[in-house]
């Protein structure tokens, strides 16, 4: 339905007096007139869409236009998984569209939302007019996969640990080797760097005495899901003067 504009005819005349009280009116009789048209049409909202990224954030986008007084504000009213009350975020103009992003969600569920817009006369429109649009939020709770773990000792007493680490959901954030070698009083760690093809590799400090090098590979994805390999127990092998154990 097309909104009607409020039209009103304003009638005016200009009157003037000089310091001798001589008087003139323009027009001499009757009035001049001009049409006053008040904008009562709210903005138009179209092309509304929502997408969920791997980190549990929802981005809402819409096309909002107002040919009369222009768009004043656009926001998204929403209630997502685990929210007790309805909240909102501003949507900013970006290349002809308006876009905004929610907070991070840590649980899966339904994200209910509506786009609200006002023009510079405070005319208001909501899309949808009643109820909500919705999109499903699916949160990654699966840790990275660790495989092909191996360790080798060079002639200088350094241990190189290698593993294949993958994560198909949010990607691998970090991989490290937690270890305790010959003569170490406490457990330490070193970062394992990506070598390509999902392979990660890192090297320990130099050891100057023989003994057992106990180690485990730890990985986190971009949702901080954690995996350790091995989860428990140990695997032992011997290389040079070291006895390697994976714990």
Protein backbone atom coordinates (compact mmCIF):
# COMPACT_ATOMS: atom_id res chain seq x y z
CA UNK A 1 0.00 0.00 0.00
CA UNK A 2 1.31 3.43 -0.93
CA UNK A 3 1.54 5.91 1.96
CA UNK A 4 -0.27 9.21 1.47
CA UNK A 5 1.51 12.50 1.96
CA UNK A 6 -0.10 15.28 3.97
CA UNK A 7 -0.63 18.26 1.70
CA UNK A 8 -1.59 21.63 3.06
CA UNK A 9 -2.01 25.04 1.43
CA UNK A 10 -0.36 27.91 3.33
CA UNK A 11 -1.66 31.40 2.54
CA UNK A 12 0.49 34.42 3.35
CA UNK A 13 0.73 38.14 2.68
CA UNK A 14 3.60 40.50 3.42
CA UNK A 15 2.74 43.72 5.25
CA UNK A 16 5.08 46.68 5.83
CA UNK A 17 5.03 50.11 7.52
CA UNK A 18 7.59 52.90 7.42
CA UNK A 19 8.42 55.31 10.22
CA UNK A 20 5.52 57.56 9.21
CA UNK A 21 3.15 54.59 9.50
CA UNK A 22 2.63 54.45 5.74
CA UNK A 23 1.32 50.96 5.03
CA UNK A 24 1.61 48.56 2.13
CA UNK A 25 0.39 45.00 1.72
CA UNK A 26 1.52 42.51 -0.91
CA UNK A 27 -0.68 41.42 -2.52
CA UNK A 28 -3.01 44.39 -2.05
CA UNK A 29 -5.89 41.96 -1.62
CA UNK A 30 -6.13 38.26 -1.26
CA UNK A 31 -3.06 36.18 -0.56
CA UNK A 32 -0.10 34.51 -2.18
CA UNK A 33 0.04 30.73 -1.58
CA UNK A 34 2.44 27.81 -1.60
CA UNK A 35 1.84 24.09 -1.16
CA UNK A 36 3.38 22.45 1.92
CA UNK A 37 3.98 18.71 1.55
CA UNK A 38 4.93 16.78 4.69
CA UNK A 39 6.83 13.50 4.30
CA UNK A 40 4.92 10.69 6.00
CA UNK A 41 6.46 7.86 3.99
CA UNK A 42 8.88 5.61 5.92
CA UNK A 43 12.07 4.26 4.35
CA UNK A 44 11.94 1.28 2.01
CA UNK A 45 13.69 -1.91 3.21
CA UNK A 46 14.62 -4.68 0.77
CA UNK A 47 17.15 -7.44 0.06
CA UNK A 48 17.39 -8.46 3.71
CA UNK A 49 19.84 -11.30 4.37
CA UNK A 50 21.86 -12.82 7.22
CA UNK A 51 24.99 -14.97 7.30
CA UNK A 52 26.83 -16.72 10.13
CA UNK A 53 30.63 -16.87 10.19
CA UNK A 54 32.75 -19.67 11.62
CA UNK A 55 33.27 -17.75 14.87
CA UNK A 56 29.56 -17.58 15.71
CA UNK A 57 28.85 -13.99 14.62
CA UNK A 58 25.79 -13.08 12.56
CA UNK A 59 26.06 -10.36 9.87
CA UNK A 60 22.79 -8.79 8.72
CA UNK A 61 22.56 -6.79 5.50
CA UNK A 62 19.74 -4.83 3.85
CA UNK A 63 19.08 -2.18 1.21
CA UNK A 64 17.40 0.85 2.80
CA UNK A 65 16.35 3.94 0.83
CA UNK A 66 14.27 7.08 1.41
CA UNK A 67 13.65 9.45 -1.50
CA UNK A 68 12.05 12.21 0.58
CA UNK A 69 14.12 13.24 3.60
CA UNK A 70 16.80 10.53 3.53
CA UNK A 71 17.66 7.65 5.84
CA UNK A 72 18.37 8.69 9.42
CA UNK A 73 19.18 5.34 11.06
CA UNK A 74 19.08 1.59 10.49
CA UNK A 75 19.45 -1.07 13.17
CA UNK A 76 18.91 -4.78 13.69
CA UNK A 77 16.72 -5.89 16.59
CA UNK A 78 17.52 -9.47 17.55
CA UNK A 79 17.47 -12.31 20.06
CA UNK A 80 19.95 -15.12 19.58
CA UNK A 81 20.80 -18.47 21.19
CA UNK A 82 21.00 -18.09 24.96
CA UNK A 83 19.86 -14.43 24.98
CA UNK A 84 17.40 -13.64 27.78
CA UNK A 85 16.33 -10.28 26.36
CA UNK A 86 16.10 -8.69 22.94
CA UNK A 87 19.08 -6.55 21.90
CA UNK A 88 20.09 -4.47 18.87
CA UNK A 89 23.09 -3.33 16.87
CA UNK A 90 23.53 -0.44 14.45
CA UNK A 91 23.76 -1.13 10.72
CA UNK A 92 26.16 1.15 8.87
CA UNK A 93 25.97 2.32 5.25
CA UNK A 94 28.43 0.38 3.07
CA UNK A 95 28.31 0.75 -0.71
CA UNK A 96 24.57 1.26 -1.09
CA UNK A 97 23.63 -1.30 1.55
CA UNK A 98 23.47 -1.27 5.33
CA UNK A 99 25.36 -3.91 7.30
CA UNK A 100 25.97 -4.81 10.94
CA UNK A 101 27.35 -7.73 12.93
CA UNK A 102 26.21 -9.31 16.18
CA UNK A 103 28.25 -10.37 19.18
CA UNK A 104 29.93 -13.80 19.18
CA UNK A 105 27.66 -16.73 20.04
CA UNK A 106 29.10 -19.71 21.89
CA UNK A 107 26.13 -22.03 21.50
CA UNK A 108 24.07 -23.21 18.56
CA UNK A 109 20.45 -22.23 18.03
CA UNK A 110 18.07 -19.83 16.27
CA UNK A 111 18.93 -16.17 15.71
CA UNK A 112 15.67 -14.19 15.36
CA UNK A 113 15.98 -10.69 13.89
CA UNK A 114 14.27 -7.74 12.23
CA UNK A 115 15.60 -4.66 10.42
CA UNK A 116 14.33 -1.28 11.63
CA UNK A 117 14.77 2.04 9.81
CA UNK A 118 13.84 5.70 10.35
CA UNK A 119 14.04 8.67 8.00
CA UNK A 120 14.83 12.28 8.94
CA UNK A 121 11.14 12.91 9.72
CA UNK A 122 11.24 9.92 12.11
CA UNK A 123 8.95 7.87 9.89
CA UNK A 124 9.53 4.24 10.90
CA UNK A 125 9.52 0.91 9.09
CA UNK A 126 10.27 -2.60 10.32
CA UNK A 127 11.02 -5.65 8.17
CA UNK A 128 9.22 -7.91 8.70
CA UNK A 129 6.29 -5.77 9.87
CA UNK A 130 5.54 -8.35 12.58
CA UNK A 131 7.36 -11.42 13.79
CA UNK A 132 10.98 -12.07 12.88
CA UNK A 133 13.26 -13.41 10.23
CA UNK A 134 15.56 -16.18 11.45
CA UNK A 135 18.86 -17.91 10.69
CA UNK A 136 20.48 -20.91 12.36
CA UNK A 137 23.72 -20.43 14.28
CA UNK A 138 25.92 -23.53 14.38
CA UNK A 139 28.90 -23.23 16.69
CA UNK A 140 32.04 -25.28 16.09
CA UNK A 141 32.77 -27.52 19.10
CA UNK A 142 35.08 -29.97 17.30
CA UNK A 143 38.80 -29.69 18.12
CA UNK A 144 41.52 -30.03 15.48
CA UNK A 145 42.60 -33.45 14.26
CA UNK A 146 46.20 -34.48 15.06
CA UNK A 147 47.89 -37.33 13.19
CA UNK A 148 51.25 -38.60 11.94
CA UNK A 149 53.09 -37.49 15.08
CA UNK A 150 56.83 -38.19 15.03
CA UNK A 151 60.04 -37.01 16.71
CA UNK A 152 63.71 -37.17 15.73
CA UNK A 153 66.95 -36.16 17.44
CA UNK A 154 69.85 -34.56 15.59
CA UNK A 155 73.54 -34.92 16.36
CA UNK A 156 73.53 -31.68 18.38
CA UNK A 157 70.95 -32.91 20.90
CA UNK A 158 67.92 -31.09 19.52
CA UNK A 159 64.56 -32.82 19.16
CA UNK A 160 62.34 -32.02 16.16
CA UNK A 161 58.66 -32.89 16.52
CA UNK A 162 56.35 -33.06 13.51
CA UNK A 163 52.60 -33.66 13.16
CA UNK A 164 49.74 -33.22 10.73
CA UNK A 165 47.08 -30.92 12.21
CA UNK A 166 43.83 -29.99 10.43
CA UNK A 167 40.54 -28.30 11.29
CA UNK A 168 37.77 -28.13 8.68
CA UNK A 169 35.50 -25.78 10.65
CA UNK A 170 37.29 -22.63 11.85
CA UNK A 171 40.88 -23.52 10.98
CA UNK A 172 43.94 -24.19 13.10
CA UNK A 173 44.86 -21.37 15.49
CA UNK A 174 47.98 -22.78 17.16
CA UNK A 175 50.06 -25.92 17.55
CA UNK A 176 52.73 -26.47 20.15
CA UNK A 177 54.78 -29.24 21.69
CA UNK A 178 54.62 -29.63 25.46
CA UNK A 179 57.70 -31.46 26.71
CA UNK A 180 60.11 -32.33 29.51
CA UNK A 181 63.55 -33.49 28.49
CA UNK A 182 66.68 -34.80 30.21
CA UNK A 183 67.58 -32.58 33.15
CA UNK A 184 64.46 -30.39 32.89
CA UNK A 185 62.87 -29.65 36.25
CA UNK A 186 59.62 -28.36 34.78
CA UNK A 187 57.59 -28.99 31.66
CA UNK A 188 58.17 -26.51 28.82
CA UNK A 189 56.82 -25.96 25.31
CA UNK A 190 57.77 -24.72 21.86
CA UNK A 191 55.64 -23.55 18.96
CA UNK A 192 55.21 -25.76 15.94
CA UNK A 193 55.03 -23.81 12.69
CA UNK A 194 53.00 -24.62 9.56
CA UNK A 195 55.09 -26.22 6.83
CA UNK A 196 52.30 -26.60 4.26
CA UNK A 197 49.84 -29.39 3.61
CA UNK A 198 48.69 -29.40 7.23
CA UNK A 199 52.17 -30.33 8.52
CA UNK A 200 53.49 -28.55 11.63
CA UNK A 201 57.07 -28.77 12.88
CA UNK A 202 59.08 -27.42 15.80
CA UNK A 203 62.47 -27.98 17.44
CA UNK A 204 63.52 -28.06 21.08
CA UNK A 205 66.50 -26.45 22.75
CA UNK A 206 69.86 -28.26 22.72
CA UNK A 207 70.27 -31.03 25.30
CA UNK A 208 73.69 -31.80 26.75
CA UNK A 209 72.83 -35.02 28.54
CA UNK A 210 71.15 -38.24 27.56
CA UNK A 211 67.77 -39.28 28.89
CA UNK A 212 64.08 -39.40 28.15
CA UNK A 213 62.31 -36.65 26.21
CA UNK A 214 58.60 -36.79 27.10
CA UNK A 215 56.32 -34.83 24.77
CA UNK A 216 52.82 -34.27 23.50
CA UNK A 217 51.39 -32.23 20.63
CA UNK A 218 48.68 -29.71 21.57
CA UNK A 219 46.43 -27.87 19.10
CA UNK A 220 43.67 -25.28 19.24
CA UNK A 221 41.31 -24.05 16.53
CA UNK A 222 39.93 -20.53 16.13
CA UNK A 223 37.11 -21.32 18.55
CA UNK A 224 39.69 -22.44 21.13
CA UNK A 225 38.62 -26.07 20.90
CA UNK A 226 41.57 -28.06 22.22
CA UNK A 227 43.10 -31.45 21.43
CA UNK A 228 46.16 -33.19 22.84
CA UNK A 229 47.96 -36.14 21.26
CA UNK A 230 48.24 -38.53 22.92
CA UNK A 231 45.24 -37.92 25.15
CA UNK A 232 46.90 -40.21 27.71
CA UNK A 233 49.63 -42.83 27.85
CA UNK A 234 52.94 -42.78 25.98
CA UNK A 235 54.75 -44.12 22.93
CA UNK A 236 58.48 -44.72 23.23
CA UNK A 237 61.22 -44.85 20.63
CA UNK A 238 65.01 -44.47 20.71
CA UNK A 239 67.13 -42.11 18.64
CA UNK A 240 70.83 -41.33 19.17
CA UNK A 241 71.39 -40.93 22.91
CA UNK A 242 67.78 -40.03 23.70
CA UNK A 243 64.87 -42.13 24.70
CA UNK A 244 61.80 -40.42 23.29
CA UNK A 245 58.44 -40.83 24.97
CA UNK A 246 55.19 -39.27 23.84
CA UNK A 247 53.06 -38.34 26.86
